[in-house]
Amino acid sequence: MDPIPRYSRHMLLRVIGEDGQRRIEQSRILVAGLGALGSVAALLLARAGVGFMRIVDQDAPELHNLQRQVLYDEADVHRGLSKAEAAFAHLKAANSSIKIEPVNAEIGPDNVDALVGGVDLVVDALDNTRTRYLVNDAILTRGIPYVFGGAVETVGNIMTIIPGKTPCLRCLWPNPEAVENHARASTVGVLSSGAATVASLQVTEALKILSGHEDQVLSGLLVLDVWRGCFHVAPVRRNPQCVCRKFEYATEA
């Protein structure tokens, strides 16, 4: 047996340490979506030792996915497995000690509450705005932290939402219809390294929260362009009329 603990390099970090790593190992998370962002995020979180991971997607791996969705290979495409099934196998091969619940389903109004139930944090790796709003509202009602991320072309966005403390997606985009037609990877493409960068930063935000450093999360919307090498945190203010404000007051009461 290897005398060096599996997570020793995390435990040596001043920002995580032994206590933080124990917190990570006791955590329960939901990775919503297993595409370009979700496949990277799920793999990093599994290797970090999260105790329980619920992974959700309704699609199957396709050949064009392999350019950026690093959790799958050609064999998965040829076998016709769902992304949830294929991801489960690869994640267990990376870390057999963690519990993984694969869910082959589309997130919708009928199942979103059940999917976010019983987890400590949600990582958003979705590819459509309407589903993101469903998850945003579900986490607000349950007080669950939520790490939003998106990537298209060479640009990415990351924002961490702590119910009762930070703005939420409705503060960022008050009108869902206004962002419904935002550019998508299926029409304008996405740089694989850009998607991986966004997912890695989402995992960093998640590990801050899981290890007990919620106060160190991003203070706004991180906007990056990996091709140009530009990174900027744009401030986001709470919308006084936003639904998230009532949860802020409930927290303070």
Protein backbone atom coordinates (compact mmCIF):
# COMPACT_ATOMS: atom_id res chain seq x y z
CA MET A 1 0.00 0.00 0.00
CA ASP A 2 1.21 3.51 -0.83
CA PRO A 3 2.39 5.05 2.48
CA ILE A 4 1.59 8.57 1.20
CA PRO A 5 -2.10 9.50 1.69
CA ARG A 6 -4.05 9.79 -1.55
CA TYR A 7 -4.88 13.45 -0.99
CA SER A 8 -1.56 14.46 0.54
CA ARG A 9 -0.92 17.25 -1.96
CA HIS A 10 -4.21 18.88 -0.99
CA MET A 11 -3.51 18.33 2.69
CA LEU A 12 -0.16 20.12 2.33
CA LEU A 13 -1.84 23.21 0.94
CA ARG A 14 -2.29 26.01 3.45
CA VAL A 15 -5.64 26.88 1.85
CA ILE A 16 -7.01 23.34 2.35
CA GLY A 17 -5.00 21.36 4.87
CA GLU A 18 -6.12 18.19 6.62
CA ASP A 19 -9.32 19.73 7.98
CA GLY A 20 -10.32 21.09 4.57
CA GLN A 21 -9.66 17.77 2.89
CA ARG A 22 -11.82 15.98 5.46
CA ARG A 23 -14.60 18.44 4.69
CA ILE A 24 -14.24 17.70 0.97
CA GLU A 25 -14.41 13.96 1.61
CA GLN A 26 -17.64 14.42 3.57
CA SER A 27 -19.29 16.62 0.95
CA ARG A 28 -22.17 15.84 -1.39
CA ILE A 29 -22.38 17.60 -4.75
CA LEU A 30 -24.45 17.72 -7.92
CA VAL A 31 -22.80 18.19 -11.30
CA ALA A 32 -25.58 19.38 -13.60
CA GLY A 33 -24.56 18.55 -17.16
CA LEU A 34 -21.74 16.31 -18.38
CA GLY A 35 -20.54 18.10 -21.49
CA ALA A 36 -17.40 20.18 -21.93
CA LEU A 37 -17.60 21.80 -18.49
CA GLY A 38 -19.19 18.94 -16.59
CA SER A 39 -16.81 16.25 -17.75
CA VAL A 40 -13.78 18.24 -16.59
CA ALA A 41 -15.43 19.39 -13.37
CA ALA A 42 -16.66 15.91 -12.44
CA LEU A 43 -13.24 14.37 -13.07
CA LEU A 44 -11.40 16.98 -10.96
CA LEU A 45 -13.93 16.73 -8.14
CA ALA A 46 -13.78 12.94 -8.15
CA ARG A 47 -9.99 13.04 -7.95
CA ALA A 48 -10.26 15.61 -5.15
CA GLY A 49 -12.17 13.03 -3.13
CA VAL A 50 -15.69 14.43 -2.78
CA GLY A 51 -17.72 11.94 -0.78
CA PHE A 52 -20.79 11.77 -3.01
CA MET A 53 -21.42 13.03 -6.54
CA ARG A 54 -24.72 13.04 -8.40
CA ILE A 55 -24.07 13.44 -12.13
CA VAL A 56 -26.91 14.32 -14.50
CA ASP A 57 -27.19 14.44 -18.29
CA GLN A 58 -29.67 13.19 -20.87
CA ASP A 59 -27.35 12.85 -23.88
CA ALA A 60 -24.96 10.22 -25.22
CA PRO A 61 -21.33 10.87 -26.22
CA GLU A 62 -20.84 11.70 -29.91
CA LEU A 63 -17.64 11.87 -31.91
CA HIS A 64 -17.66 15.68 -32.12
CA ASN A 65 -17.84 15.83 -28.30
CA LEU A 66 -14.39 14.28 -27.91
CA GLN A 67 -12.65 17.52 -28.93
CA ARG A 68 -13.47 19.01 -25.53
CA GLN A 69 -15.37 16.51 -23.36
CA VAL A 70 -12.36 14.79 -21.83
CA LEU A 71 -14.27 12.25 -19.75
CA TYR A 72 -15.23 10.16 -22.80
CA ASP A 73 -13.41 8.22 -25.51
CA GLU A 74 -14.18 6.62 -28.86
CA ALA A 75 -15.23 3.37 -27.22
CA ASP A 76 -17.99 5.18 -25.34
CA VAL A 77 -19.29 6.58 -28.62
CA HIS A 78 -19.28 3.19 -30.33
CA ARG A 79 -20.97 1.45 -27.39
CA GLY A 80 -23.81 3.94 -27.40
CA LEU A 81 -23.64 4.54 -23.66
CA SER A 82 -25.34 7.54 -22.11
CA LYS A 83 -23.02 10.25 -20.81
CA ALA A 84 -24.14 9.45 -17.28
CA GLU A 85 -23.23 5.76 -17.68
CA ALA A 86 -19.91 6.45 -19.41
CA ALA A 87 -18.98 9.15 -16.90
CA PHE A 88 -19.80 6.85 -13.99
CA ALA A 89 -17.42 4.18 -15.30
CA HIS A 90 -14.55 6.59 -15.92
CA LEU A 91 -15.00 8.43 -12.63
CA LYS A 92 -15.05 5.18 -10.62
CA ALA A 93 -11.89 4.11 -12.45
CA ALA A 94 -10.27 7.37 -11.36
CA ASN A 95 -11.44 7.08 -7.75
CA SER A 96 -13.24 3.93 -6.63
CA SER A 97 -13.66 5.19 -3.07
CA ILE A 98 -16.27 7.85 -3.75
CA LYS A 99 -20.01 7.32 -4.21
CA ILE A 100 -21.44 8.34 -7.58
CA GLU A 101 -25.09 8.44 -8.59
CA PRO A 102 -25.51 8.64 -12.38
CA VAL A 103 -28.83 10.08 -13.60
CA ASN A 104 -29.69 9.76 -17.28
CA ALA A 105 -32.33 12.48 -17.47
CA GLU A 106 -33.03 16.03 -18.55
CA ILE A 107 -33.32 18.51 -15.69
CA GLY A 108 -36.80 19.99 -15.65
CA PRO A 109 -39.52 21.36 -13.37
CA ASP A 110 -40.62 17.85 -12.38
CA ASN A 111 -37.24 16.61 -11.11
CA VAL A 112 -35.08 19.64 -10.26
CA ASP A 113 -36.03 19.66 -6.57
CA ALA A 114 -35.21 15.97 -6.19
CA LEU A 115 -31.90 16.36 -8.01
CA VAL A 116 -30.67 19.23 -5.84
CA GLY A 117 -32.01 17.58 -2.70
CA GLY A 118 -29.46 16.26 -0.24
CA VAL A 119 -26.41 17.96 -1.76
CA ASP A 120 -24.12 20.63 -0.31
CA LEU A 121 -23.26 22.34 -3.58
CA VAL A 122 -24.25 22.42 -7.26
CA VAL A 123 -21.82 22.85 -10.15
CA ASP A 124 -23.59 24.23 -13.22
CA ALA A 125 -22.30 22.69 -16.44
CA LEU A 126 -25.51 23.22 -18.40
CA ASP A 127 -25.86 24.49 -21.94
CA ASN A 128 -29.19 26.32 -21.84
CA THR A 129 -30.44 29.29 -19.89
CA ARG A 130 -33.91 28.04 -18.97
CA THR A 131 -32.56 25.03 -17.11
CA ARG A 132 -30.05 27.25 -15.34
CA TYR A 133 -32.90 29.39 -14.02
CA LEU A 134 -34.65 26.27 -12.74
CA VAL A 135 -31.53 25.22 -10.84
CA ASN A 136 -30.90 28.77 -9.64
CA ASP A 137 -34.38 28.98 -8.11
CA ALA A 138 -34.16 25.50 -6.61
CA ILE A 139 -30.89 26.19 -4.82
CA LEU A 140 -32.19 29.48 -3.47
CA THR A 141 -35.13 27.78 -1.79
CA ARG A 142 -32.79 25.22 -0.18
CA GLY A 143 -29.87 27.51 0.65
CA ILE A 144 -27.40 25.51 -1.47
CA PRO A 145 -24.31 27.21 -2.97
CA TYR A 146 -24.23 27.19 -6.78
CA VAL A 147 -21.23 27.66 -9.09
CA PHE A 148 -22.34 28.95 -12.49
CA GLY A 149 -20.12 28.56 -15.55
CA GLY A 150 -20.36 28.99 -19.29
CA ALA A 151 -17.99 28.80 -22.25
CA VAL A 152 -18.42 29.64 -25.92
CA GLU A 153 -15.88 30.47 -28.63
CA THR A 154 -12.80 31.52 -26.59
CA VAL A 155 -14.75 33.29 -23.83
CA GLY A 156 -15.96 32.04 -20.47
CA ASN A 157 -17.90 33.20 -17.41
CA ILE A 158 -17.90 31.99 -13.81
CA MET A 159 -20.00 33.24 -10.88
CA THR A 160 -20.47 31.76 -7.43
CA ILE A 161 -23.87 32.12 -5.79
CA ILE A 162 -24.31 31.84 -2.02
CA PRO A 163 -28.02 32.12 -1.15
CA GLY A 164 -28.72 34.99 1.23
CA LYS A 165 -25.27 36.55 0.66
CA THR A 166 -24.55 37.08 -3.05
CA PRO A 167 -26.45 38.02 -6.21
CA CYS A 168 -28.00 35.14 -8.14
CA LEU A 169 -28.48 34.47 -11.85
CA ARG A 170 -31.67 36.52 -11.86
CA CYS A 171 -29.68 39.49 -10.61
CA LEU A 172 -27.20 38.98 -13.44
CA TRP A 173 -29.87 38.34 -16.09
CA PRO A 174 -33.26 39.54 -14.80
CA ASN A 175 -35.03 38.62 -18.04
CA PRO A 176 -34.54 34.99 -19.17
CA GLU A 177 -35.82 35.77 -22.67
CA ALA A 178 -33.13 38.40 -23.16
CA VAL A 179 -30.38 35.78 -22.93
CA GLU A 180 -32.23 32.86 -24.50
CA ASN A 181 -30.54 33.48 -27.87
CA HIS A 182 -26.99 33.92 -26.61
CA ALA A 183 -24.36 32.27 -28.83
CA ARG A 184 -23.89 28.56 -28.21
CA ALA A 185 -21.02 26.19 -28.94
CA SER A 186 -23.19 24.30 -31.43
CA THR A 187 -23.37 27.40 -33.64
CA VAL A 188 -20.13 29.33 -33.07
CA GLY A 189 -17.81 26.68 -31.61
CA VAL A 190 -15.80 26.53 -28.41
CA LEU A 191 -12.08 26.27 -27.75
CA SER A 192 -11.36 23.12 -25.75
CA SER A 193 -8.82 24.87 -23.52
CA GLY A 194 -11.35 27.63 -22.82
CA ALA A 195 -13.96 25.16 -21.62
CA ALA A 196 -11.37 23.34 -19.49
CA THR A 197 -10.24 26.63 -17.94
CA VAL A 198 -13.79 27.57 -16.99
CA ALA A 199 -14.44 24.14 -15.49
CA SER A 200 -11.17 24.24 -13.53
CA LEU A 201 -12.07 27.61 -12.06
CA GLN A 202 -15.54 26.34 -11.19
CA VAL A 203 -13.93 23.46 -9.30
CA THR A 204 -11.66 25.92 -7.50
CA GLU A 205 -14.72 27.87 -6.35
CA ALA A 206 -16.42 24.62 -5.30
CA LEU A 207 -13.39 23.49 -3.29
CA LYS A 208 -13.23 26.86 -1.52
CA ILE A 209 -16.78 26.32 -0.28
CA LEU A 210 -16.43 22.63 0.50
CA SER A 211 -13.21 23.13 2.44
CA GLY A 212 -14.67 25.90 4.60
CA HIS A 213 -13.56 29.04 2.76
CA GLU A 214 -16.89 30.37 1.51
CA ASP A 215 -15.74 33.91 2.34
CA GLN A 216 -13.04 33.68 -0.36
CA VAL A 217 -15.25 33.00 -3.38
CA LEU A 218 -15.36 35.32 -6.39
CA SER A 219 -16.91 38.70 -5.64
CA GLY A 220 -18.61 39.04 -9.03
CA LEU A 221 -18.73 37.59 -12.54
CA LEU A 222 -15.34 36.38 -13.76
CA VAL A 223 -15.09 37.04 -17.50
CA LEU A 224 -12.18 35.52 -19.37
CA ASP A 225 -10.90 35.16 -22.91
CA VAL A 226 -8.23 32.48 -23.07
CA TRP A 227 -7.22 33.37 -26.63
CA ARG A 228 -6.47 36.97 -25.71
CA GLY A 229 -5.25 36.08 -22.22
CA CYS A 230 -7.73 38.43 -20.54
CA PHE A 231 -9.32 37.91 -17.11
CA HIS A 232 -11.64 40.37 -15.39
CA VAL A 233 -14.03 40.23 -12.45
CA ALA A 234 -17.09 42.36 -13.20
CA PRO A 235 -19.12 43.49 -10.18
CA VAL A 236 -22.69 42.18 -9.97
CA ARG A 237 -25.17 43.89 -7.68
CA ARG A 238 -28.20 42.36 -6.08
CA ASN A 239 -31.37 43.39 -7.84
CA PRO A 240 -33.70 44.86 -5.17
CA GLN A 241 -36.64 43.23 -6.95
CA CYS A 242 -34.94 39.85 -7.39
CA VAL A 243 -36.50 36.75 -5.87
CA CYS A 244 -33.19 35.99 -4.15
CA ARG A 245 -33.67 38.97 -1.81
CA LYS A 246 -36.42 37.24 0.14
CA PHE A 247 -34.02 34.39 0.93
CA GLU A 248 -31.48 36.95 2.09
CA TYR A 249 -34.01 38.34 4.55
CA ALA A 250 -34.97 34.83 5.66
CA THR A 251 -31.31 34.08 6.38
CA GLU A 252 -30.95 37.23 8.45
CA ALA A 253 -34.16 36.64 10.44
